[in-house]
């Protein structure tokens, strides 16, 4: 329950500082974690908390791309600020080179040699990069590695 406690503390700080943008985003994150906890019926594990936070980040990234395409600069700025706040609660993101190395190791480990083995490779990689890397980036690197 560490993330909920951290969010509660940060929410108090944001209230005292009258930082509405941070407060709103923190409340959304807290709400998402609490909703997941209620639907599960018990406290969330650290991995489950990371999954929820990563899902929140992914939703914002998708919206960000849509707003950029629609040339909505006002909404783009708002989402960029929200993303920076969400990133505070996620582990440090892996670089593309680090992910690429993990992909290469997984390909060797699973003995994958074609695109048919993509599921095996992804299954080996995702637990290692959970919350630390964007799934679409991992997927594209696996495809690139398997198509060599």
C-alpha atoms as a PDB file:
ATOM      1  CA  UNK A   1       0.000   0.000   0.000  1.00  0.00           C
ATOM      2  CA  UNK A   2       3.030   2.223  -0.244  1.00  0.00           C
ATOM      3  CA  UNK A   3       1.844   4.171  -3.306  1.00  0.00           C
ATOM      4  CA  UNK A   4      -1.494   5.110  -1.729  1.00  0.00           C
ATOM      5  CA  UNK A   5       0.286   6.402   1.364  1.00  0.00           C
ATOM      6  CA  UNK A   6       2.741   8.328  -0.798  1.00  0.00           C
ATOM      7  CA  UNK A   7      -0.152   9.802  -2.807  1.00  0.00           C
ATOM      8  CA  UNK A   8      -1.920  10.828   0.411  1.00  0.00           C
ATOM      9  CA  UNK A   9       1.186  12.624   1.663  1.00  0.00           C
ATOM     10  CA  UNK A  10       1.749  14.357  -1.683  1.00  0.00           C
ATOM     11  CA  UNK A  11      -1.918  15.315  -1.813  1.00  0.00           C
ATOM     12  CA  UNK A  12      -1.592  17.108   1.525  1.00  0.00           C
ATOM     13  CA  UNK A  13       1.511  18.940   0.296  1.00  0.00           C
ATOM     14  CA  UNK A  14      -0.256  19.965  -2.916  1.00  0.00           C
ATOM     15  CA  UNK A  15      -3.272  21.213  -0.931  1.00  0.00           C
ATOM     16  CA  UNK A  16      -1.089  23.334   1.330  1.00  0.00           C
ATOM     17  CA  UNK A  17       0.820  24.707  -1.667  1.00  0.00           C
ATOM     18  CA  UNK A  18      -2.475  25.344  -3.502  1.00  0.00           C
ATOM     19  CA  UNK A  19      -1.074  23.426  -6.485  1.00  0.00           C
ATOM     20  CA  UNK A  20      -4.313  22.546  -8.269  1.00  0.00           C
ATOM     21  CA  UNK A  21      -2.749  20.720 -11.228  1.00  0.00           C
ATOM     22  CA  UNK A  22      -0.754  18.366  -9.014  1.00  0.00           C
ATOM     23  CA  UNK A  23      -3.677  17.904  -6.664  1.00  0.00           C
ATOM     24  CA  UNK A  24      -6.045  16.959  -9.480  1.00  0.00           C
ATOM     25  CA  UNK A  25      -3.614  14.459 -10.977  1.00  0.00           C
ATOM     26  CA  UNK A  26      -2.753  12.934  -7.598  1.00  0.00           C
ATOM     27  CA  UNK A  27      -6.455  12.526  -6.834  1.00  0.00           C
ATOM     28  CA  UNK A  28      -6.984  10.763 -10.183  1.00  0.00           C
ATOM     29  CA  UNK A  29      -4.109   8.378  -9.477  1.00  0.00           C
ATOM     30  CA  UNK A  30      -5.330   7.715  -5.949  1.00  0.00           C
ATOM     31  CA  UNK A  31      -8.829   7.081  -7.250  1.00  0.00           C
ATOM     32  CA  UNK A  32      -7.554   4.627  -9.866  1.00  0.00           C
ATOM     33  CA  UNK A  33      -5.611   2.694  -7.215  1.00  0.00           C
ATOM     34  CA  UNK A  34      -8.567   2.643  -4.828  1.00  0.00           C
ATOM     35  CA  UNK A  35     -10.968   1.506  -7.557  1.00  0.00           C
ATOM     36  CA  UNK A  36      -8.635  -1.348  -8.469  1.00  0.00           C
ATOM     37  CA  UNK A  37      -8.338  -2.287  -4.813  1.00  0.00           C
ATOM     38  CA  UNK A  38     -12.111  -2.301  -4.387  1.00  0.00           C
ATOM     39  CA  UNK A  39     -12.641  -4.449  -7.484  1.00  0.00           C
ATOM     40  CA  UNK A  40      -9.979  -6.891  -6.283  1.00  0.00           C
ATOM     41  CA  UNK A  41     -11.394  -6.970  -2.765  1.00  0.00           C
ATOM     42  CA  UNK A  42      -8.020  -6.801  -1.027  1.00  0.00           C
ATOM     43  CA  UNK A  43      -4.911  -4.662  -0.837  1.00  0.00           C
ATOM     44  CA  UNK A  44      -2.862  -4.319  -4.006  1.00  0.00           C
ATOM     45  CA  UNK A  45       0.651  -5.687  -4.279  1.00  0.00           C
ATOM     46  CA  UNK A  46       3.470  -3.428  -5.444  1.00  0.00           C
ATOM     47  CA  UNK A  47       3.293  -5.003  -8.909  1.00  0.00           C
ATOM     48  CA  UNK A  48      -0.438  -4.403  -9.127  1.00  0.00           C
ATOM     49  CA  UNK A  49       0.042  -0.776  -8.088  1.00  0.00           C
ATOM     50  CA  UNK A  50       2.667  -0.364 -10.806  1.00  0.00           C
ATOM     51  CA  UNK A  51       0.297  -1.903 -13.335  1.00  0.00           C
ATOM     52  CA  UNK A  52      -2.435   0.601 -12.449  1.00  0.00           C
ATOM     53  CA  UNK A  53      -0.032   3.548 -12.583  1.00  0.00           C
ATOM     54  CA  UNK A  54       1.435   2.355 -15.892  1.00  0.00           C
ATOM     55  CA  UNK A  55      -2.102   2.078 -17.297  1.00  0.00           C
ATOM     56  CA  UNK A  56      -2.819   5.660 -16.200  1.00  0.00           C
ATOM     57  CA  UNK A  57       0.361   6.831 -17.918  1.00  0.00           C
ATOM     58  CA  UNK A  58      -0.501   4.923 -21.086  1.00  0.00           C
ATOM     59  CA  UNK A  59      -3.960   6.514 -21.226  1.00  0.00           C
ATOM     60  CA  UNK A  60      -2.441   9.961 -20.936  1.00  0.00           C
ATOM     61  CA  UNK A  61       0.164   9.218 -23.601  1.00  0.00           C
ATOM     62  CA  UNK A  62      -2.545   8.076 -26.014  1.00  0.00           C
ATOM     63  CA  UNK A  63      -4.554  11.230 -25.342  1.00  0.00           C
ATOM     64  CA  UNK A  64      -1.429  13.333 -25.746  1.00  0.00           C
ATOM     65  CA  UNK A  65      -0.808  11.935 -29.238  1.00  0.00           C
ATOM     66  CA  UNK A  66      -4.423  12.581 -30.226  1.00  0.00           C
ATOM     67  CA  UNK A  67      -4.292  16.156 -28.946  1.00  0.00           C
ATOM     68  CA  UNK A  68      -1.003  16.778 -30.746  1.00  0.00           C
ATOM     69  CA  UNK A  69      -2.525  15.577 -34.012  1.00  0.00           C
ATOM     70  CA  UNK A  70      -5.538  17.839 -33.427  1.00  0.00           C
ATOM     71  CA  UNK A  71      -3.182  20.756 -32.674  1.00  0.00           C
ATOM     72  CA  UNK A  72      -4.719  21.337 -29.230  1.00  0.00           C
ATOM     73  CA  UNK A  73      -1.740  22.998 -27.541  1.00  0.00           C
ATOM     74  CA  UNK A  74      -3.703  23.872 -24.411  1.00  0.00           C
ATOM     75  CA  UNK A  75      -4.594  20.234 -23.759  1.00  0.00           C
ATOM     76  CA  UNK A  76      -1.117  19.036 -24.765  1.00  0.00           C
ATOM     77  CA  UNK A  77       0.486  21.248 -22.108  1.00  0.00           C
ATOM     78  CA  UNK A  78      -1.974  20.039 -19.465  1.00  0.00           C
ATOM     79  CA  UNK A  79      -1.300  16.384 -20.285  1.00  0.00           C
ATOM     80  CA  UNK A  80       2.460  16.890 -20.317  1.00  0.00           C
ATOM     81  CA  UNK A  81       2.240  18.273 -16.784  1.00  0.00           C
ATOM     82  CA  UNK A  82       0.051  15.334 -15.726  1.00  0.00           C
ATOM     83  CA  UNK A  83       2.548  12.885 -17.243  1.00  0.00           C
ATOM     84  CA  UNK A  84       5.413  14.445 -15.309  1.00  0.00           C
ATOM     85  CA  UNK A  85       3.412  13.963 -12.105  1.00  0.00           C
ATOM     86  CA  UNK A  86       2.523  10.346 -12.958  1.00  0.00           C
ATOM     87  CA  UNK A  87       6.199   9.644 -13.703  1.00  0.00           C
ATOM     88  CA  UNK A  88       7.081  10.556 -10.113  1.00  0.00           C
ATOM     89  CA  UNK A  89       5.271   7.438  -8.911  1.00  0.00           C
ATOM     90  CA  UNK A  90       6.688   5.021 -11.473  1.00  0.00           C
ATOM     91  CA  UNK A  91      10.158   3.480 -11.332  1.00  0.00           C
ATOM     92  CA  UNK A  92      12.844   5.046 -13.471  1.00  0.00           C
ATOM     93  CA  UNK A  93      12.241   4.139 -17.107  1.00  0.00           C
ATOM     94  CA  UNK A  94      14.710   1.908 -18.927  1.00  0.00           C
ATOM     95  CA  UNK A  95      16.566   3.321 -21.901  1.00  0.00           C
ATOM     96  CA  UNK A  96      16.025   1.887 -25.354  1.00  0.00           C
ATOM     97  CA  UNK A  97      19.499   0.316 -25.210  1.00  0.00           C
ATOM     98  CA  UNK A  98      18.707  -1.406 -21.892  1.00  0.00           C
ATOM     99  CA  UNK A  99      15.420  -2.725 -23.266  1.00  0.00           C
ATOM    100  CA  UNK A 100      17.165  -3.889 -26.427  1.00  0.00           C
ATOM    101  CA  UNK A 101      19.658  -5.857 -24.327  1.00  0.00           C
ATOM    102  CA  UNK A 102      16.839  -7.467 -22.340  1.00  0.00           C
ATOM    103  CA  UNK A 103      15.127  -8.370 -25.626  1.00  0.00           C
ATOM    104  CA  UNK A 104      18.293  -9.962 -27.010  1.00  0.00           C
ATOM    105  CA  UNK A 105      18.791 -11.946 -23.802  1.00  0.00           C
ATOM    106  CA  UNK A 106      15.169 -13.136 -23.878  1.00  0.00           C
ATOM    107  CA  UNK A 107      15.456 -14.218 -27.523  1.00  0.00           C
ATOM    108  CA  UNK A 108      18.528 -16.304 -26.659  1.00  0.00           C
ATOM    109  CA  UNK A 109      16.934 -17.649 -23.464  1.00  0.00           C
ATOM    110  CA  UNK A 110      13.718 -18.741 -25.201  1.00  0.00           C
ATOM    111  CA  UNK A 111      15.457 -19.986 -28.340  1.00  0.00           C
ATOM    112  CA  UNK A 112      13.153 -17.856 -30.490  1.00  0.00           C
ATOM    113  CA  UNK A 113      13.989 -17.688 -34.166  1.00  0.00           C
ATOM    114  CA  UNK A 114      10.891 -16.313 -35.901  1.00  0.00           C
ATOM    115  CA  UNK A 115       7.886 -14.068 -35.417  1.00  0.00           C
ATOM    116  CA  UNK A 116       5.893 -17.136 -34.342  1.00  0.00           C
ATOM    117  CA  UNK A 117       7.878 -17.074 -31.095  1.00  0.00           C
ATOM    118  CA  UNK A 118       6.994 -13.464 -30.267  1.00  0.00           C
ATOM    119  CA  UNK A 119       4.557 -14.509 -27.524  1.00  0.00           C
ATOM    120  CA  UNK A 120       7.229 -16.578 -25.790  1.00  0.00           C
ATOM    121  CA  UNK A 121       9.721 -13.730 -25.925  1.00  0.00           C
ATOM    122  CA  UNK A 122       7.215 -11.129 -24.716  1.00  0.00           C
ATOM    123  CA  UNK A 123       6.207 -13.467 -21.884  1.00  0.00           C
ATOM    124  CA  UNK A 124       9.823 -13.652 -20.764  1.00  0.00           C
ATOM    125  CA  UNK A 125      10.418  -9.896 -21.043  1.00  0.00           C
ATOM    126  CA  UNK A 126       7.312  -8.262 -19.591  1.00  0.00           C
ATOM    127  CA  UNK A 127       7.825  -9.342 -15.963  1.00  0.00           C
ATOM    128  CA  UNK A 128      11.345  -7.878 -16.096  1.00  0.00           C
ATOM    129  CA  UNK A 129      10.287  -4.478 -17.462  1.00  0.00           C
ATOM    130  CA  UNK A 130       6.900  -4.063 -15.776  1.00  0.00           C
ATOM    131  CA  UNK A 131       6.352  -0.373 -15.092  1.00  0.00           C
ATOM    132  CA  UNK A 132       9.831   0.468 -16.355  1.00  0.00           C
ATOM    133  CA  UNK A 133       9.196   0.449 -20.109  1.00  0.00           C
ATOM    134  CA  UNK A 134       6.439   1.183 -22.601  1.00  0.00           C
ATOM    135  CA  UNK A 135       4.911  -2.051 -23.899  1.00  0.00           C
ATOM    136  CA  UNK A 136       4.697  -0.792 -27.481  1.00  0.00           C
ATOM    137  CA  UNK A 137       8.418   0.024 -27.478  1.00  0.00           C
ATOM    138  CA  UNK A 138       9.220  -3.438 -26.126  1.00  0.00           C
ATOM    139  CA  UNK A 139       6.975  -5.016 -28.759  1.00  0.00           C
ATOM    140  CA  UNK A 140       8.604  -3.084 -31.606  1.00  0.00           C
ATOM    141  CA  UNK A 141      12.101  -4.043 -30.388  1.00  0.00           C
ATOM    142  CA  UNK A 142      11.089  -7.716 -30.171  1.00  0.00           C
ATOM    143  CA  UNK A 143       9.686  -7.584 -33.724  1.00  0.00           C
ATOM    144  CA  UNK A 144      12.874  -5.941 -34.933  1.00  0.00           C
ATOM    145  CA  UNK A 145      15.047  -8.565 -33.226  1.00  0.00           C
ATOM    146  CA  UNK A 146      12.977 -11.521 -34.469  1.00  0.00           C
ATOM    147  CA  UNK A 147      12.910 -10.256 -38.065  1.00  0.00           C
ATOM    148  CA  UNK A 148      16.714 -10.268 -38.332  1.00  0.00           C
END
